C-alpha cells in the first residue's frame, strides 16, 4: 500500500494558524483525532492509521509549529506555542471538518495538547488516550537527578533563544536521529523510511527548530500556569481515559502514570504498559491499534 493511500491532505485555516492535516478512514464512522509528538509529524501514525481506517474517521494533523503547519510568530511568554493555543487550533480544525464530538489520542507532546484540549473543551471529547506521558506539572514538580538526566532536552530546549537553536542547528539531522533512537534504546530501525524522511525534511530547518524550542519553553512557563489554575479550580478531564506507556521508557521507570492520571480525571482511567520504548505507535503499531480500537469502540 502506498504512503497514506486513502487519506486526503488538507490545509485548514484556523484563527492564528494554518493546520496541515490528513483525513481518511471510513466516512460516517466514529471520528478519532490523532496527535503526534516531538520531534515528529502526523507521519508517525501511518501504520496505526492504516489499521484503524476501516473502523474510524481519522484526522491526523501536524501541530502548530511542526511539520507543514504554520509556525506563528513569537508572543510574550511563548503563548503562541501554549498547549491551550494548540488545542484551540484542533477544535477549530474539527469545526471546519463538521465534527462535533470525537475521540482523542495524543503521543508525547500531542498527549499534552490532548490533555489541555480535554480540560478546556470537555464537551467535545468522547474519550481520551495519552501515550507515554505523565501530566506535565507532575513531571516538573517531581524533577530529580534521574529525570533530569533522562529528559535533559526538557531543560536544554527551554534555555533562552538562540542558545539551543544554535546548538541543534549545527547538526540538526544528528540531533533528530539521537532523539528518535535514544528513548528506549531501540535505535531508528522501527521507523518507516518514508516517515524518517518526513521528520528530516520538517525538523531540520531553523524555523522548525525554533518552534520546537518554543513548544518546550511554553511547557515550562505558561502551560504550568494554565495547569495550576485548572487544578485550583478543580477542573478535571471529564471523559474516560486510557493511558499507555512503554516498559522501557522513562515514564515507566520514574513515575506512576495511572495514579497521576487518575488524580486529574473525573472519568474512569485504565491503562497498561506495552513492550516498547517511547515511540510506541511506530514500534508496536499492531498492539497500539488494537488498544485504541478496543478502547474507542467500547
C-alpha atoms as a PDB file:
ATOM      1  CA  UNK A   1       0.000   0.000   0.000  1.00  0.00           C
ATOM      2  CA  UNK A   2       1.318   3.445  -0.877  1.00  0.00           C
ATOM      3  CA  UNK A   3       2.154   6.196   1.564  1.00  0.00           C
ATOM      4  CA  UNK A   4      -1.138   7.255   3.172  1.00  0.00           C
ATOM      5  CA  UNK A   5      -3.273   5.809   0.375  1.00  0.00           C
ATOM      6  CA  UNK A   6      -6.890   6.689   1.055  1.00  0.00           C
ATOM      7  CA  UNK A   7      -6.021   9.775   3.103  1.00  0.00           C
ATOM      8  CA  UNK A   8      -6.633  13.258   1.738  1.00  0.00           C
ATOM      9  CA  UNK A   9      -4.170  16.048   2.599  1.00  0.00           C
ATOM     10  CA  UNK A  10      -5.763  19.351   3.531  1.00  0.00           C
ATOM     11  CA  UNK A  11      -4.662  22.774   4.713  1.00  0.00           C
ATOM     12  CA  UNK A  12      -7.204  24.330   7.038  1.00  0.00           C
ATOM     13  CA  UNK A  13      -7.101  27.958   8.142  1.00  0.00           C
ATOM     14  CA  UNK A  14      -7.900  28.380  11.832  1.00  0.00           C
ATOM     15  CA  UNK A  15      -7.628  31.565  13.910  1.00  0.00           C
ATOM     16  CA  UNK A  16      -3.945  32.440  14.067  1.00  0.00           C
ATOM     17  CA  UNK A  17      -2.585  29.432  12.203  1.00  0.00           C
ATOM     18  CA  UNK A  18      -2.854  27.102   9.235  1.00  0.00           C
ATOM     19  CA  UNK A  19      -3.103  23.424  10.088  1.00  0.00           C
ATOM     20  CA  UNK A  20      -1.844  20.777   7.678  1.00  0.00           C
ATOM     21  CA  UNK A  21      -3.753  17.542   8.168  1.00  0.00           C
ATOM     22  CA  UNK A  22      -4.656  14.255   6.554  1.00  0.00           C
ATOM     23  CA  UNK A  23      -8.194  12.958   6.672  1.00  0.00           C
ATOM     24  CA  UNK A  24      -9.200   9.395   5.897  1.00  0.00           C
ATOM     25  CA  UNK A  25     -10.795   6.218   7.084  1.00  0.00           C
ATOM     26  CA  UNK A  26     -14.468   5.354   6.877  1.00  0.00           C
ATOM     27  CA  UNK A  27     -16.847   8.235   6.259  1.00  0.00           C
ATOM     28  CA  UNK A  28     -19.583   8.239   8.873  1.00  0.00           C
ATOM     29  CA  UNK A  29     -17.558   6.171  11.327  1.00  0.00           C
ATOM     30  CA  UNK A  30     -16.716   7.478  14.815  1.00  0.00           C
ATOM     31  CA  UNK A  31     -14.221  10.361  14.463  1.00  0.00           C
ATOM     32  CA  UNK A  32     -10.786   9.946  16.040  1.00  0.00           C
ATOM     33  CA  UNK A  33      -8.194  12.732  16.235  1.00  0.00           C
ATOM     34  CA  UNK A  34      -4.571  11.501  16.492  1.00  0.00           C
ATOM     35  CA  UNK A  35      -1.840  13.895  17.692  1.00  0.00           C
ATOM     36  CA  UNK A  36       1.896  13.412  17.202  1.00  0.00           C
ATOM     37  CA  UNK A  37       4.790  14.391  19.441  1.00  0.00           C
ATOM     38  CA  UNK A  38       8.323  15.805  19.283  1.00  0.00           C
ATOM     39  CA  UNK A  39      10.318  15.730  17.035  1.00  0.00           C
ATOM     40  CA  UNK A  40       7.808  14.232  14.625  1.00  0.00           C
ATOM     41  CA  UNK A  41       4.774  14.946  12.442  1.00  0.00           C
ATOM     42  CA  UNK A  42       1.488  13.195  11.711  1.00  0.00           C
ATOM     43  CA  UNK A  43       3.570  10.657   9.746  1.00  0.00           C
ATOM     44  CA  UNK A  44       4.202   8.758  12.985  1.00  0.00           C
ATOM     45  CA  UNK A  45       0.612   7.450  12.790  1.00  0.00           C
ATOM     46  CA  UNK A  46       0.904   5.889   9.318  1.00  0.00           C
ATOM     47  CA  UNK A  47       0.950   2.223  10.315  1.00  0.00           C
ATOM     48  CA  UNK A  48      -1.629   2.693  13.067  1.00  0.00           C
ATOM     49  CA  UNK A  49      -3.914   4.731  10.808  1.00  0.00           C
ATOM     50  CA  UNK A  50      -3.971   2.075   8.103  1.00  0.00           C
ATOM     51  CA  UNK A  51      -5.096  -0.453  10.701  1.00  0.00           C
ATOM     52  CA  UNK A  52      -7.774   1.832  12.167  1.00  0.00           C
ATOM     53  CA  UNK A  53      -9.099   3.191   8.857  1.00  0.00           C
ATOM     54  CA  UNK A  54     -11.867   0.571   8.428  1.00  0.00           C
ATOM     55  CA  UNK A  55     -13.366   1.468  11.813  1.00  0.00           C
ATOM     56  CA  UNK A  56     -12.878   5.226  12.278  1.00  0.00           C
ATOM     57  CA  UNK A  57     -12.975   8.571  10.510  1.00  0.00           C
ATOM     58  CA  UNK A  58      -9.402   9.651  11.172  1.00  0.00           C
ATOM     59  CA  UNK A  59      -7.944  13.154  11.417  1.00  0.00           C
ATOM     60  CA  UNK A  60      -4.131  13.388  11.556  1.00  0.00           C
ATOM     61  CA  UNK A  61      -2.856  16.974  11.870  1.00  0.00           C
ATOM     62  CA  UNK A  62       0.582  18.461  12.229  1.00  0.00           C
ATOM     63  CA  UNK A  63       0.529  20.515  15.418  1.00  0.00           C
ATOM     64  CA  UNK A  64       1.211  24.217  15.009  1.00  0.00           C
ATOM     65  CA  UNK A  65       4.973  24.750  14.869  1.00  0.00           C
ATOM     66  CA  UNK A  66       5.565  21.264  13.466  1.00  0.00           C
ATOM     67  CA  UNK A  67       5.540  19.613  10.067  1.00  0.00           C
ATOM     68  CA  UNK A  68       3.758  21.578   7.366  1.00  0.00           C
ATOM     69  CA  UNK A  69       1.516  23.502   9.751  1.00  0.00           C
ATOM     70  CA  UNK A  70       2.289  27.176  10.206  1.00  0.00           C
ATOM     71  CA  UNK A  71       4.783  28.477  12.718  1.00  0.00           C
ATOM     72  CA  UNK A  72       3.181  31.560  14.273  1.00  0.00           C
ATOM     73  CA  UNK A  73       5.392  34.495  15.315  1.00  0.00           C
ATOM     74  CA  UNK A  74       6.631  34.613  18.883  1.00  0.00           C
ATOM     75  CA  UNK A  75       4.423  36.093  21.567  1.00  0.00           C
ATOM     76  CA  UNK A  76       5.202  37.136  25.143  1.00  0.00           C
ATOM     77  CA  UNK A  77       5.500  34.129  27.451  1.00  0.00           C
ATOM     78  CA  UNK A  78       5.691  31.858  24.359  1.00  0.00           C
ATOM     79  CA  UNK A  79       1.890  31.877  24.298  1.00  0.00           C
ATOM     80  CA  UNK A  80       1.790  31.031  20.581  1.00  0.00           C
ATOM     81  CA  UNK A  81       3.043  27.523  21.447  1.00  0.00           C
ATOM     82  CA  UNK A  82       0.988  27.056  24.593  1.00  0.00           C
ATOM     83  CA  UNK A  83      -0.955  23.828  24.731  1.00  0.00           C
ATOM     84  CA  UNK A  84      -4.095  25.964  25.060  1.00  0.00           C
ATOM     85  CA  UNK A  85      -3.395  27.651  21.717  1.00  0.00           C
ATOM     86  CA  UNK A  86      -2.508  24.339  20.088  1.00  0.00           C
ATOM     87  CA  UNK A  87      -5.685  22.742  21.432  1.00  0.00           C
ATOM     88  CA  UNK A  88      -7.784  25.652  20.163  1.00  0.00           C
ATOM     89  CA  UNK A  89      -6.346  25.048  16.667  1.00  0.00           C
ATOM     90  CA  UNK A  90      -7.592  21.485  16.771  1.00  0.00           C
ATOM     91  CA  UNK A  91     -11.081  22.382  17.975  1.00  0.00           C
ATOM     92  CA  UNK A  92     -11.301  24.848  15.079  1.00  0.00           C
ATOM     93  CA  UNK A  93      -9.992  22.163  12.715  1.00  0.00           C
ATOM     94  CA  UNK A  94     -12.705  19.735  13.800  1.00  0.00           C
ATOM     95  CA  UNK A  95     -15.286  22.515  13.427  1.00  0.00           C
ATOM     96  CA  UNK A  96     -14.095  23.047   9.849  1.00  0.00           C
ATOM     97  CA  UNK A  97     -14.486  19.321   9.198  1.00  0.00           C
ATOM     98  CA  UNK A  98     -18.007  19.364  10.605  1.00  0.00           C
ATOM     99  CA  UNK A  99     -17.139  17.178  13.592  1.00  0.00           C
ATOM    100  CA  UNK A 100     -18.698  17.981  16.957  1.00  0.00           C
ATOM    101  CA  UNK A 101     -17.634  15.230  19.367  1.00  0.00           C
ATOM    102  CA  UNK A 102     -14.676  12.968  18.797  1.00  0.00           C
ATOM    103  CA  UNK A 103     -12.218  10.526  20.291  1.00  0.00           C
ATOM    104  CA  UNK A 104      -8.801  11.992  21.028  1.00  0.00           C
ATOM    105  CA  UNK A 105      -5.384  10.351  21.289  1.00  0.00           C
ATOM    106  CA  UNK A 106      -2.021  12.035  21.725  1.00  0.00           C
ATOM    107  CA  UNK A 107       1.525  10.731  21.969  1.00  0.00           C
ATOM    108  CA  UNK A 108       4.278  12.706  23.726  1.00  0.00           C
ATOM    109  CA  UNK A 109       3.713  16.453  23.114  1.00  0.00           C
ATOM    110  CA  UNK A 110       0.463  15.562  21.399  1.00  0.00           C
ATOM    111  CA  UNK A 111      -0.642  13.965  24.650  1.00  0.00           C
ATOM    112  CA  UNK A 112      -0.039  17.239  26.462  1.00  0.00           C
ATOM    113  CA  UNK A 113      -2.087  19.101  23.867  1.00  0.00           C
ATOM    114  CA  UNK A 114      -4.783  16.442  24.205  1.00  0.00           C
ATOM    115  CA  UNK A 115      -4.795  16.863  27.991  1.00  0.00           C
ATOM    116  CA  UNK A 116      -5.366  20.616  27.675  1.00  0.00           C
ATOM    117  CA  UNK A 117      -7.998  20.151  24.954  1.00  0.00           C
ATOM    118  CA  UNK A 118      -9.941  17.706  27.129  1.00  0.00           C
ATOM    119  CA  UNK A 119      -9.868  20.125  30.091  1.00  0.00           C
ATOM    120  CA  UNK A 120     -10.665  23.289  28.100  1.00  0.00           C
ATOM    121  CA  UNK A 121     -13.266  21.713  25.795  1.00  0.00           C
ATOM    122  CA  UNK A 122     -14.819  18.803  27.722  1.00  0.00           C
ATOM    123  CA  UNK A 123     -17.989  18.888  25.630  1.00  0.00           C
ATOM    124  CA  UNK A 124     -16.004  17.983  22.509  1.00  0.00           C
ATOM    125  CA  UNK A 125     -14.142  14.857  23.675  1.00  0.00           C
ATOM    126  CA  UNK A 126     -15.876  11.484  23.975  1.00  0.00           C
ATOM    127  CA  UNK A 127     -12.835   9.578  25.178  1.00  0.00           C
ATOM    128  CA  UNK A 128      -9.143  10.363  25.648  1.00  0.00           C
ATOM    129  CA  UNK A 129      -5.955   8.331  25.271  1.00  0.00           C
ATOM    130  CA  UNK A 130      -2.495   9.583  26.243  1.00  0.00           C
ATOM    131  CA  UNK A 131       0.627   7.661  25.274  1.00  0.00           C
ATOM    132  CA  UNK A 132       3.863   7.564  27.282  1.00  0.00           C
ATOM    133  CA  UNK A 133       3.433  10.727  29.319  1.00  0.00           C
ATOM    134  CA  UNK A 134       2.523  11.761  32.837  1.00  0.00           C
ATOM    135  CA  UNK A 135       0.939  15.175  33.482  1.00  0.00           C
ATOM    136  CA  UNK A 136       3.402  17.978  32.724  1.00  0.00           C
ATOM    137  CA  UNK A 137       3.046  19.711  36.081  1.00  0.00           C
ATOM    138  CA  UNK A 138       3.679  16.496  37.993  1.00  0.00           C
ATOM    139  CA  UNK A 139       6.740  15.680  35.936  1.00  0.00           C
ATOM    140  CA  UNK A 140       8.286  19.110  36.519  1.00  0.00           C
ATOM    141  CA  UNK A 141       7.341  19.126  40.213  1.00  0.00           C
ATOM    142  CA  UNK A 142       8.989  15.747  40.742  1.00  0.00           C
ATOM    143  CA  UNK A 143      12.199  16.552  38.888  1.00  0.00           C
ATOM    144  CA  UNK A 144      15.287  14.904  40.356  1.00  0.00           C
ATOM    145  CA  UNK A 145      18.690  13.916  39.024  1.00  0.00           C
ATOM    146  CA  UNK A 146      17.386  10.731  37.370  1.00  0.00           C
ATOM    147  CA  UNK A 147      14.655  12.599  35.494  1.00  0.00           C
ATOM    148  CA  UNK A 148      16.929  15.494  34.517  1.00  0.00           C
ATOM    149  CA  UNK A 149      19.442  13.055  33.040  1.00  0.00           C
ATOM    150  CA  UNK A 150      16.824  11.060  31.154  1.00  0.00           C
ATOM    151  CA  UNK A 151      14.856  14.091  29.888  1.00  0.00           C
ATOM    152  CA  UNK A 152      17.738  16.510  29.560  1.00  0.00           C
ATOM    153  CA  UNK A 153      16.106  18.005  26.462  1.00  0.00           C
ATOM    154  CA  UNK A 154      13.313  19.439  28.640  1.00  0.00           C
ATOM    155  CA  UNK A 155      15.906  21.659  30.294  1.00  0.00           C
ATOM    156  CA  UNK A 156      18.040  22.283  27.214  1.00  0.00           C
ATOM    157  CA  UNK A 157      15.246  23.401  24.889  1.00  0.00           C
ATOM    158  CA  UNK A 158      13.820  25.911  27.393  1.00  0.00           C
ATOM    159  CA  UNK A 159      17.037  27.926  27.540  1.00  0.00           C
ATOM    160  CA  UNK A 160      16.760  31.441  26.092  1.00  0.00           C
ATOM    161  CA  UNK A 161      16.909  31.920  22.337  1.00  0.00           C
ATOM    162  CA  UNK A 162      19.214  31.425  20.475  1.00  0.00           C
ATOM    163  CA  UNK A 163      21.329  29.009  22.535  1.00  0.00           C
ATOM    164  CA  UNK A 164      19.520  25.699  21.921  1.00  0.00           C
ATOM    165  CA  UNK A 165      18.561  26.707  18.371  1.00  0.00           C
ATOM    166  CA  UNK A 166      22.219  27.388  17.559  1.00  0.00           C
ATOM    167  CA  UNK A 167      23.442  24.164  19.115  1.00  0.00           C
ATOM    168  CA  UNK A 168      20.824  21.968  17.407  1.00  0.00           C
ATOM    169  CA  UNK A 169      21.185  23.859  14.131  1.00  0.00           C
ATOM    170  CA  UNK A 170      24.854  22.901  13.931  1.00  0.00           C
ATOM    171  CA  UNK A 171      23.890  19.256  13.302  1.00  0.00           C
ATOM    172  CA  UNK A 172      20.089  19.016  13.117  1.00  0.00           C
ATOM    173  CA  UNK A 173      19.900  15.585  11.491  1.00  0.00           C
ATOM    174  CA  UNK A 174      22.265  14.086  14.058  1.00  0.00           C
ATOM    175  CA  UNK A 175      20.183  15.624  16.849  1.00  0.00           C
ATOM    176  CA  UNK A 176      16.953  14.319  15.314  1.00  0.00           C
ATOM    177  CA  UNK A 177      18.268  10.774  14.957  1.00  0.00           C
ATOM    178  CA  UNK A 178      19.619  10.829  18.510  1.00  0.00           C
ATOM    179  CA  UNK A 179      16.230  11.822  19.904  1.00  0.00           C
ATOM    180  CA  UNK A 180      14.332   9.280  17.805  1.00  0.00           C
ATOM    181  CA  UNK A 181      16.677   6.431  18.642  1.00  0.00           C
ATOM    182  CA  UNK A 182      17.589   7.223  22.215  1.00  0.00           C
ATOM    183  CA  UNK A 183      14.349   6.821  24.183  1.00  0.00           C
ATOM    184  CA  UNK A 184      14.075   3.135  24.992  1.00  0.00           C
ATOM    185  CA  UNK A 185      17.315   2.186  23.268  1.00  0.00           C
ATOM    186  CA  UNK A 186      15.567   0.927  20.149  1.00  0.00           C
ATOM    187  CA  UNK A 187      17.531   2.828  17.517  1.00  0.00           C
ATOM    188  CA  UNK A 188      15.618   4.109  14.480  1.00  0.00           C
ATOM    189  CA  UNK A 189      15.163   0.808  12.641  1.00  0.00           C
ATOM    190  CA  UNK A 190      11.488   0.599  13.638  1.00  0.00           C
ATOM    191  CA  UNK A 191      10.679   3.891  11.862  1.00  0.00           C
ATOM    192  CA  UNK A 192       9.406   3.643   8.304  1.00  0.00           C
ATOM    193  CA  UNK A 193      11.897   5.174   5.827  1.00  0.00           C
ATOM    194  CA  UNK A 194       9.215   7.487   4.418  1.00  0.00           C
ATOM    195  CA  UNK A 195       8.367   8.706   7.920  1.00  0.00           C
ATOM    196  CA  UNK A 196      12.017   9.261   8.808  1.00  0.00           C
ATOM    197  CA  UNK A 197      12.474  11.266   5.612  1.00  0.00           C
ATOM    198  CA  UNK A 198       9.468  13.400   6.601  1.00  0.00           C
ATOM    199  CA  UNK A 199      10.946  14.064  10.036  1.00  0.00           C
ATOM    200  CA  UNK A 200      14.237  15.087   8.470  1.00  0.00           C
ATOM    201  CA  UNK A 201      12.514  17.363   5.970  1.00  0.00           C
ATOM    202  CA  UNK A 202      10.270  19.004   8.514  1.00  0.00           C
ATOM    203  CA  UNK A 203      12.558  19.289  11.556  1.00  0.00           C
ATOM    204  CA  UNK A 204      15.916  20.274  10.085  1.00  0.00           C
ATOM    205  CA  UNK A 205      15.166  23.958   9.405  1.00  0.00           C
ATOM    206  CA  UNK A 206      15.838  26.996  11.610  1.00  0.00           C
ATOM    207  CA  UNK A 207      12.116  27.826  11.773  1.00  0.00           C
ATOM    208  CA  UNK A 208      11.097  24.324  12.873  1.00  0.00           C
ATOM    209  CA  UNK A 209      13.870  24.048  15.446  1.00  0.00           C
ATOM    210  CA  UNK A 210      12.864  27.393  16.918  1.00  0.00           C
ATOM    211  CA  UNK A 211       9.194  26.400  17.074  1.00  0.00           C
ATOM    212  CA  UNK A 212      10.075  23.165  18.850  1.00  0.00           C
ATOM    213  CA  UNK A 213      12.105  25.109  21.415  1.00  0.00           C
ATOM    214  CA  UNK A 214       9.166  27.476  21.857  1.00  0.00           C
ATOM    215  CA  UNK A 215       6.903  24.480  22.498  1.00  0.00           C
ATOM    216  CA  UNK A 216       9.116  23.420  25.396  1.00  0.00           C
ATOM    217  CA  UNK A 217       9.544  26.978  26.668  1.00  0.00           C
ATOM    218  CA  UNK A 218       5.765  27.260  26.801  1.00  0.00           C
ATOM    219  CA  UNK A 219       5.551  23.971  28.701  1.00  0.00           C
ATOM    220  CA  UNK A 220       7.936  25.242  31.355  1.00  0.00           C
ATOM    221  CA  UNK A 221       6.053  28.526  31.772  1.00  0.00           C
ATOM    222  CA  UNK A 222       2.608  29.451  30.532  1.00  0.00           C
ATOM    223  CA  UNK A 223       1.441  25.826  30.357  1.00  0.00           C
ATOM    224  CA  UNK A 224       2.310  25.318  34.018  1.00  0.00           C
ATOM    225  CA  UNK A 225       0.354  28.479  34.854  1.00  0.00           C
ATOM    226  CA  UNK A 226      -2.650  27.056  32.999  1.00  0.00           C
ATOM    227  CA  UNK A 227      -2.272  23.678  34.716  1.00  0.00           C
ATOM    228  CA  UNK A 228      -2.029  25.209  38.187  1.00  0.00           C
ATOM    229  CA  UNK A 229      -5.071  27.389  37.532  1.00  0.00           C
ATOM    230  CA  UNK A 230      -7.060  24.377  36.312  1.00  0.00           C
ATOM    231  CA  UNK A 231      -6.166  22.373  39.398  1.00  0.00           C
ATOM    232  CA  UNK A 232      -7.005  25.281  41.696  1.00  0.00           C
ATOM    233  CA  UNK A 233     -10.479  25.417  40.122  1.00  0.00           C
ATOM    234  CA  UNK A 234     -10.867  21.658  40.377  1.00  0.00           C
ATOM    235  CA  UNK A 235     -11.063  21.235  36.595  1.00  0.00           C
ATOM    236  CA  UNK A 236     -10.523  17.626  35.583  1.00  0.00           C
ATOM    237  CA  UNK A 237     -10.689  15.516  32.438  1.00  0.00           C
ATOM    238  CA  UNK A 238     -14.361  14.589  32.299  1.00  0.00           C
ATOM    239  CA  UNK A 239     -14.256  11.606  29.938  1.00  0.00           C
ATOM    240  CA  UNK A 240     -12.925   8.071  30.326  1.00  0.00           C
ATOM    241  CA  UNK A 241      -9.194   7.933  29.695  1.00  0.00           C
ATOM    242  CA  UNK A 242      -6.775   5.260  28.509  1.00  0.00           C
ATOM    243  CA  UNK A 243      -3.095   5.513  29.459  1.00  0.00           C
ATOM    244  CA  UNK A 244      -0.463   3.555  27.515  1.00  0.00           C
ATOM    245  CA  UNK A 245       3.244   3.631  28.278  1.00  0.00           C
ATOM    246  CA  UNK A 246       6.390   1.748  27.289  1.00  0.00           C
ATOM    247  CA  UNK A 247       8.046  -0.643  29.685  1.00  0.00           C
ATOM    248  CA  UNK A 248      11.498   0.542  28.534  1.00  0.00           C
ATOM    249  CA  UNK A 249      10.587   4.210  28.890  1.00  0.00           C
ATOM    250  CA  UNK A 250      11.294   6.900  31.465  1.00  0.00           C
ATOM    251  CA  UNK A 251       7.626   7.285  32.418  1.00  0.00           C
ATOM    252  CA  UNK A 252       7.515   3.631  33.457  1.00  0.00           C
ATOM    253  CA  UNK A 253      10.801   3.844  35.349  1.00  0.00           C
ATOM    254  CA  UNK A 254      10.319   7.098  37.237  1.00  0.00           C
ATOM    255  CA  UNK A 255       6.590   7.818  37.520  1.00  0.00           C
ATOM    256  CA  UNK A 256       3.290   6.137  38.356  1.00  0.00           C
ATOM    257  CA  UNK A 257       1.257   7.149  35.320  1.00  0.00           C
ATOM    258  CA  UNK A 258      -2.056   5.527  36.271  1.00  0.00           C
ATOM    259  CA  UNK A 259      -2.128   7.128  39.709  1.00  0.00           C
ATOM    260  CA  UNK A 260      -1.114  10.532  38.349  1.00  0.00           C
ATOM    261  CA  UNK A 261      -3.734  10.493  35.598  1.00  0.00           C
ATOM    262  CA  UNK A 262      -6.451   9.241  37.933  1.00  0.00           C
ATOM    263  CA  UNK A 263      -5.815  12.311  40.074  1.00  0.00           C
ATOM    264  CA  UNK A 264      -6.564  14.513  37.032  1.00  0.00           C
ATOM    265  CA  UNK A 265      -9.632  12.671  35.726  1.00  0.00           C
ATOM    266  CA  UNK A 266     -13.272  12.561  36.728  1.00  0.00           C
ATOM    267  CA  UNK A 267     -13.957   9.655  34.392  1.00  0.00           C
ATOM    268  CA  UNK A 268     -12.647   6.101  34.568  1.00  0.00           C
ATOM    269  CA  UNK A 269      -8.912   5.700  33.934  1.00  0.00           C
ATOM    270  CA  UNK A 270      -7.478   2.421  32.666  1.00  0.00           C
ATOM    271  CA  UNK A 271      -4.140   1.583  31.124  1.00  0.00           C
ATOM    272  CA  UNK A 272      -1.176  -0.721  30.754  1.00  0.00           C
ATOM    273  CA  UNK A 273       2.398  -0.964  29.615  1.00  0.00           C
ATOM    274  CA  UNK A 274       3.464  -2.154  26.193  1.00  0.00           C
ATOM    275  CA  UNK A 275       6.818  -3.848  25.444  1.00  0.00           C
ATOM    276  CA  UNK A 276       8.364  -0.805  23.794  1.00  0.00           C
ATOM    277  CA  UNK A 277      10.395   2.326  24.357  1.00  0.00           C
ATOM    278  CA  UNK A 278       8.933   5.804  23.963  1.00  0.00           C
ATOM    279  CA  UNK A 279       7.751   5.717  20.334  1.00  0.00           C
ATOM    280  CA  UNK A 280       5.088   3.083  20.890  1.00  0.00           C
ATOM    281  CA  UNK A 281       2.843   3.701  17.840  1.00  0.00           C
ATOM    282  CA  UNK A 282       5.752   3.162  15.470  1.00  0.00           C
ATOM    283  CA  UNK A 283       7.483   0.398  17.372  1.00  0.00           C
ATOM    284  CA  UNK A 284       4.274  -1.557  18.036  1.00  0.00           C
ATOM    285  CA  UNK A 285       1.646  -0.392  15.520  1.00  0.00           C
ATOM    286  CA  UNK A 286      -0.470  -3.543  15.718  1.00  0.00           C
ATOM    287  CA  UNK A 287      -0.616  -3.509  19.520  1.00  0.00           C
ATOM    288  CA  UNK A 288      -1.278   0.230  19.539  1.00  0.00           C
ATOM    289  CA  UNK A 289      -4.108  -0.063  17.019  1.00  0.00           C
ATOM    290  CA  UNK A 290      -5.590  -2.976  18.973  1.00  0.00           C
ATOM    291  CA  UNK A 291      -5.571  -0.978  22.223  1.00  0.00           C
ATOM    292  CA  UNK A 292      -7.082   2.096  20.589  1.00  0.00           C
ATOM    293  CA  UNK A 293      -9.766   0.137  18.749  1.00  0.00           C
ATOM    294  CA  UNK A 294     -10.820  -1.720  21.884  1.00  0.00           C
ATOM    295  CA  UNK A 295     -10.991   1.484  23.930  1.00  0.00           C
ATOM    296  CA  UNK A 296     -12.638   3.853  21.470  1.00  0.00           C
ATOM    297  CA  UNK A 297     -15.177   1.270  20.294  1.00  0.00           C
ATOM    298  CA  UNK A 298     -16.232   0.212  23.802  1.00  0.00           C
END
